[in-house]
PDB file of N, CA and C in Angstrom:
ATOM      1  N   UNK A   1     192.410-104.599 224.301  1.00  0.00           N
ATOM      2  CA  UNK A   1     193.734-104.032 224.205  1.00  0.00           C
ATOM      3  C   UNK A   1     193.883-104.160 222.696  1.00  0.00           C
ATOM      4  N   UNK A   2     194.433-102.981 222.139  1.00  0.00           N
ATOM      5  CA  UNK A   2     194.778-102.948 220.477  1.00  0.00           C
ATOM      6  C   UNK A   2     195.902-103.886 220.177  1.00  0.00           C
ATOM      7  N   UNK A   3     195.957-104.331 219.049  1.00  0.00           N
ATOM      8  CA  UNK A   3     196.970-105.236 218.700  1.00  0.00           C
ATOM      9  C   UNK A   3     198.140-104.991 218.551  1.00  0.00           C
ATOM     10  N   UNK A   4     198.482-103.484 218.487  1.00  0.00           N
ATOM     11  CA  UNK A   4     199.928-102.942 218.631  1.00  0.00           C
ATOM     12  C   UNK A   4     200.280-102.907 220.097  1.00  0.00           C
ATOM     13  N   UNK A   5     199.648-103.000 220.796  1.00  0.00           N
ATOM     14  CA  UNK A   5     199.993-102.740 222.362  1.00  0.00           C
ATOM     15  C   UNK A   5     200.439-104.065 222.867  1.00  0.00           C
ATOM     16  N   UNK A   6     201.815-103.862 223.489  1.00  0.00           N
ATOM     17  CA  UNK A   6     202.292-105.231 223.959  1.00  0.00           C
ATOM     18  C   UNK A   6     201.787-105.347 225.369  1.00  0.00           C
ATOM     19  N   UNK A   7     201.524-106.497 225.777  1.00  0.00           N
ATOM     20  CA  UNK A   7     201.291-106.685 227.401  1.00  0.00           C
ATOM     21  C   UNK A   7     202.817-107.282 227.997  1.00  0.00           C
ATOM     22  N   UNK A   8     203.057-106.465 229.210  1.00  0.00           N
ATOM     23  CA  UNK A   8     204.458-106.654 229.804  1.00  0.00           C
ATOM     24  C   UNK A   8     204.028-107.479 231.082  1.00  0.00           C
ATOM     25  N   UNK A   9     204.869-108.535 231.492  1.00  0.00           N
ATOM     26  CA  UNK A   9     204.602-109.057 232.841  1.00  0.00           C
ATOM     27  C   UNK A   9     204.324-108.217 234.040  1.00  0.00           C
ATOM     28  N   UNK A  10     203.639-108.537 235.009  1.00  0.00           N
ATOM     29  CA  UNK A  10     203.529-107.833 236.165  1.00  0.00           C
ATOM     30  C   UNK A  10     204.763-107.399 236.789  1.00  0.00           C
ATOM     31  N   UNK A  11     205.163-105.992 237.069  1.00  0.00           N
ATOM     32  CA  UNK A  11     206.677-105.866 237.655  1.00  0.00           C
ATOM     33  C   UNK A  11     207.765-105.656 236.581  1.00  0.00           C
ATOM     34  N   UNK A  12     207.361-105.975 235.243  1.00  0.00           N
ATOM     35  CA  UNK A  12     208.385-105.834 234.327  1.00  0.00           C
ATOM     36  C   UNK A  12     208.792-104.167 234.166  1.00  0.00           C
ATOM     37  N   UNK A  13     209.822-103.885 234.097  1.00  0.00           N
ATOM     38  CA  UNK A  13     210.226-102.144 233.919  1.00  0.00           C
ATOM     39  C   UNK A  13     210.104-101.888 232.565  1.00  0.00           C
ATOM     40  N   UNK A  14     209.422-100.802 232.297  1.00  0.00           N
ATOM     41  CA  UNK A  14     209.337-100.226 230.946  1.00  0.00           C
ATOM     42  C   UNK A  14     210.618 -99.647 230.538  1.00  0.00           C
ATOM     43  N   UNK A  15     211.033 -99.946 229.190  1.00  0.00           N
ATOM     44  CA  UNK A  15     212.443 -99.636 228.843  1.00  0.00           C
ATOM     45  C   UNK A  15     212.613 -97.944 228.739  1.00  0.00           C
ATOM     46  N   UNK A  16     211.526 -97.113 228.601  1.00  0.00           N
ATOM     47  CA  UNK A  16     211.606 -95.635 228.413  1.00  0.00           C
ATOM     48  C   UNK A  16     211.850 -95.168 229.711  1.00  0.00           C
ATOM     49  N   UNK A  17     211.686 -95.806 230.941  1.00  0.00           N
ATOM     50  CA  UNK A  17     211.732 -95.170 232.106  1.00  0.00           C
ATOM     51  C   UNK A  17     213.098 -95.611 232.830  1.00  0.00           C
ATOM     52  N   UNK A  18     213.686 -94.638 233.475  1.00  0.00           N
ATOM     53  CA  UNK A  18     215.032 -94.824 234.197  1.00  0.00           C
ATOM     54  C   UNK A  18     214.816 -95.826 235.564  1.00  0.00           C
ATOM     55  N   UNK A  19     215.723 -96.412 235.762  1.00  0.00           N
ATOM     56  CA  UNK A  19     215.853 -97.376 236.897  1.00  0.00           C
ATOM     57  C   UNK A  19     215.496 -96.340 238.239  1.00  0.00           C
ATOM     58  N   UNK A  20     214.531 -96.584 239.089  1.00  0.00           N
ATOM     59  CA  UNK A  20     214.316 -95.955 240.296  1.00  0.00           C
ATOM     60  C   UNK A  20     215.390 -96.503 241.409  1.00  0.00           C
ATOM     61  N   UNK A  21     215.529 -95.499 242.173  1.00  0.00           N
ATOM     62  CA  UNK A  21     216.196 -95.862 243.463  1.00  0.00           C
ATOM     63  C   UNK A  21     215.537 -96.350 244.403  1.00  0.00           C
ATOM     64  N   UNK A  22     215.974 -97.569 245.219  1.00  0.00           N
ATOM     65  CA  UNK A  22     215.250 -98.222 246.339  1.00  0.00           C
ATOM     66  C   UNK A  22     215.516 -97.321 247.778  1.00  0.00           C
ATOM     67  N   UNK A  23     216.143 -96.292 247.999  1.00  0.00           N
ATOM     68  CA  UNK A  23     216.554 -95.602 248.884  1.00  0.00           C
ATOM     69  C   UNK A  23     216.391 -94.247 248.917  1.00  0.00           C
ATOM     70  N   UNK A  24     216.301 -93.517 249.792  1.00  0.00           N
ATOM     71  CA  UNK A  24     216.262 -92.022 249.888  1.00  0.00           C
ATOM     72  C   UNK A  24     217.627 -91.536 249.633  1.00  0.00           C
ATOM     73  N   UNK A  25     217.703 -90.195 249.385  1.00  0.00           N
ATOM     74  CA  UNK A  25     218.866 -89.396 249.148  1.00  0.00           C
ATOM     75  C   UNK A  25     219.740 -89.464 250.360  1.00  0.00           C
ATOM     76  N   UNK A  26     221.208 -89.539 250.309  1.00  0.00           N
ATOM     77  CA  UNK A  26     222.060 -89.544 251.522  1.00  0.00           C
ATOM     78  C   UNK A  26     221.673 -88.027 252.272  1.00  0.00           C
ATOM     79  N   UNK A  27     221.876 -88.194 253.599  1.00  0.00           N
ATOM     80  CA  UNK A  27     221.631 -86.942 254.300  1.00  0.00           C
ATOM     81  C   UNK A  27     222.789 -86.098 254.265  1.00  0.00           C
ATOM     82  N   UNK A  28     222.371 -84.910 254.271  1.00  0.00           N
ATOM     83  CA  UNK A  28     223.396 -83.880 254.326  1.00  0.00           C
ATOM     84  C   UNK A  28     223.247 -82.805 255.419  1.00  0.00           C
ATOM     85  N   UNK A  29     224.381 -82.184 256.032  1.00  0.00           N
ATOM     86  CA  UNK A  29     224.234 -81.218 256.972  1.00  0.00           C
ATOM     87  C   UNK A  29     225.169 -80.012 256.952  1.00  0.00           C
ATOM     88  N   UNK A  30     224.905 -79.041 257.398  1.00  0.00           N
ATOM     89  CA  UNK A  30     225.644 -77.818 257.263  1.00  0.00           C
ATOM     90  C   UNK A  30     225.755 -77.261 258.992  1.00  0.00           C
ATOM     91  N   UNK A  31     227.046 -76.744 259.155  1.00  0.00           N
ATOM     92  CA  UNK A  31     227.217 -76.216 260.611  1.00  0.00           C
ATOM     93  C   UNK A  31     226.729 -74.748 260.323  1.00  0.00           C
ATOM     94  N   UNK A  32     225.836 -74.068 261.329  1.00  0.00           N
ATOM     95  CA  UNK A  32     225.453 -72.802 261.365  1.00  0.00           C
ATOM     96  C   UNK A  32     226.232 -72.066 262.213  1.00  0.00           C
ATOM     97  N   UNK A  33     226.460 -70.742 261.743  1.00  0.00           N
ATOM     98  CA  UNK A  33     227.155 -69.791 262.797  1.00  0.00           C
ATOM     99  C   UNK A  33     225.967 -69.465 263.919  1.00  0.00           C
ATOM    100  N   UNK A  34     226.335 -68.953 264.845  1.00  0.00           N
ATOM    101  CA  UNK A  34     225.681 -68.539 266.063  1.00  0.00           C
ATOM    102  C   UNK A  34     224.137 -67.484 265.303  1.00  0.00           C
ATOM    103  N   UNK A  35     224.621 -66.579 264.439  1.00  0.00           N
ATOM    104  CA  UNK A  35     223.702 -65.735 263.873  1.00  0.00           C
ATOM    105  C   UNK A  35     222.727 -66.180 263.176  1.00  0.00           C
ATOM    106  N   UNK A  36     223.324 -67.404 262.329  1.00  0.00           N
ATOM    107  CA  UNK A  36     222.389 -68.118 261.301  1.00  0.00           C
ATOM    108  C   UNK A  36     221.590 -68.869 262.172  1.00  0.00           C
ATOM    109  N   UNK A  37     221.957 -69.338 263.154  1.00  0.00           N
ATOM    110  CA  UNK A  37     221.130 -70.426 264.146  1.00  0.00           C
ATOM    111  C   UNK A  37     219.858 -69.454 264.732  1.00  0.00           C
ATOM    112  N   UNK A  38     220.261 -68.224 265.146  1.00  0.00           N
ATOM    113  CA  UNK A  38     219.273 -67.319 265.646  1.00  0.00           C
ATOM    114  C   UNK A  38     218.163 -66.908 264.601  1.00  0.00           C
ATOM    115  N   UNK A  39     218.713 -66.730 263.500  1.00  0.00           N
ATOM    116  CA  UNK A  39     217.982 -66.149 262.505  1.00  0.00           C
ATOM    117  C   UNK A  39     217.018 -67.236 262.215  1.00  0.00           C
ATOM    118  N   UNK A  40     217.435 -68.558 262.148  1.00  0.00           N
ATOM    119  CA  UNK A  40     216.515 -69.639 261.839  1.00  0.00           C
ATOM    120  C   UNK A  40     215.482 -70.034 262.859  1.00  0.00           C
ATOM    121  N   UNK A  41     216.002 -69.821 264.307  1.00  0.00           N
ATOM    122  CA  UNK A  41     215.002 -70.050 265.175  1.00  0.00           C
ATOM    123  C   UNK A  41     213.864 -69.002 265.195  1.00  0.00           C
ATOM    124  N   UNK A  42     214.265 -67.599 264.757  1.00  0.00           N
ATOM    125  CA  UNK A  42     213.303 -66.656 264.761  1.00  0.00           C
ATOM    126  C   UNK A  42     212.302 -67.130 263.525  1.00  0.00           C
ATOM    127  N   UNK A  43     212.899 -67.636 262.405  1.00  0.00           N
ATOM    128  CA  UNK A  43     212.057 -67.982 261.404  1.00  0.00           C
ATOM    129  C   UNK A  43     210.866 -68.967 261.812  1.00  0.00           C
ATOM    130  N   UNK A  44     211.458 -70.089 262.603  1.00  0.00           N
ATOM    131  CA  UNK A  44     210.491 -71.017 263.027  1.00  0.00           C
ATOM    132  C   UNK A  44     209.495 -70.455 263.739  1.00  0.00           C
ATOM    133  N   UNK A  45     209.869 -69.574 264.714  1.00  0.00           N
ATOM    134  CA  UNK A  45     208.978 -69.133 265.246  1.00  0.00           C
ATOM    135  C   UNK A  45     207.748 -68.244 264.864  1.00  0.00           C
ATOM    136  N   UNK A  46     208.345 -67.491 264.034  1.00  0.00           N
ATOM    137  CA  UNK A  46     207.144 -66.693 263.137  1.00  0.00           C
ATOM    138  C   UNK A  46     206.321 -67.637 262.239  1.00  0.00           C
ATOM    139  N   UNK A  47     206.838 -68.738 261.763  1.00  0.00           N
ATOM    140  CA  UNK A  47     206.026 -69.833 260.944  1.00  0.00           C
ATOM    141  C   UNK A  47     205.051 -70.365 261.868  1.00  0.00           C
ATOM    142  N   UNK A  48     205.638 -70.755 263.142  1.00  0.00           N
ATOM    143  CA  UNK A  48     204.665 -71.323 264.084  1.00  0.00           C
ATOM    144  C   UNK A  48     203.339 -70.420 264.611  1.00  0.00           C
ATOM    145  N   UNK A  49     203.710 -69.169 264.576  1.00  0.00           N
ATOM    146  CA  UNK A  49     202.891 -68.217 265.023  1.00  0.00           C
ATOM    147  C   UNK A  49     201.869 -67.937 263.932  1.00  0.00           C
ATOM    148  N   UNK A  50     202.217 -68.144 262.569  1.00  0.00           N
ATOM    149  CA  UNK A  50     201.371 -67.747 261.359  1.00  0.00           C
ATOM    150  C   UNK A  50     201.750 -66.149 260.974  1.00  0.00           C
ATOM    151  N   UNK A  51     202.928 -65.750 261.586  1.00  0.00           N
ATOM    152  CA  UNK A  51     203.012 -64.182 261.246  1.00  0.00           C
ATOM    153  C   UNK A  51     203.744 -64.066 259.767  1.00  0.00           C
ATOM    154  N   UNK A  52     204.086 -64.902 259.012  1.00  0.00           N
ATOM    155  CA  UNK A  52     204.678 -64.809 257.643  1.00  0.00           C
ATOM    156  C   UNK A  52     203.494 -65.061 256.538  1.00  0.00           C
TER     157      UNK A  52
END
């Protein structure tokens, strides 16, 4: 290792990197209208059939 490179202890965070979250993002949901739900179901069917 070159002299100018410093060794950091295992697991020591690098100062240039932001702290990472330990959990995933919170869950979100939205209510769909009957028409939106039907359109979504049709899209899922088409994707499942390979039609798109």
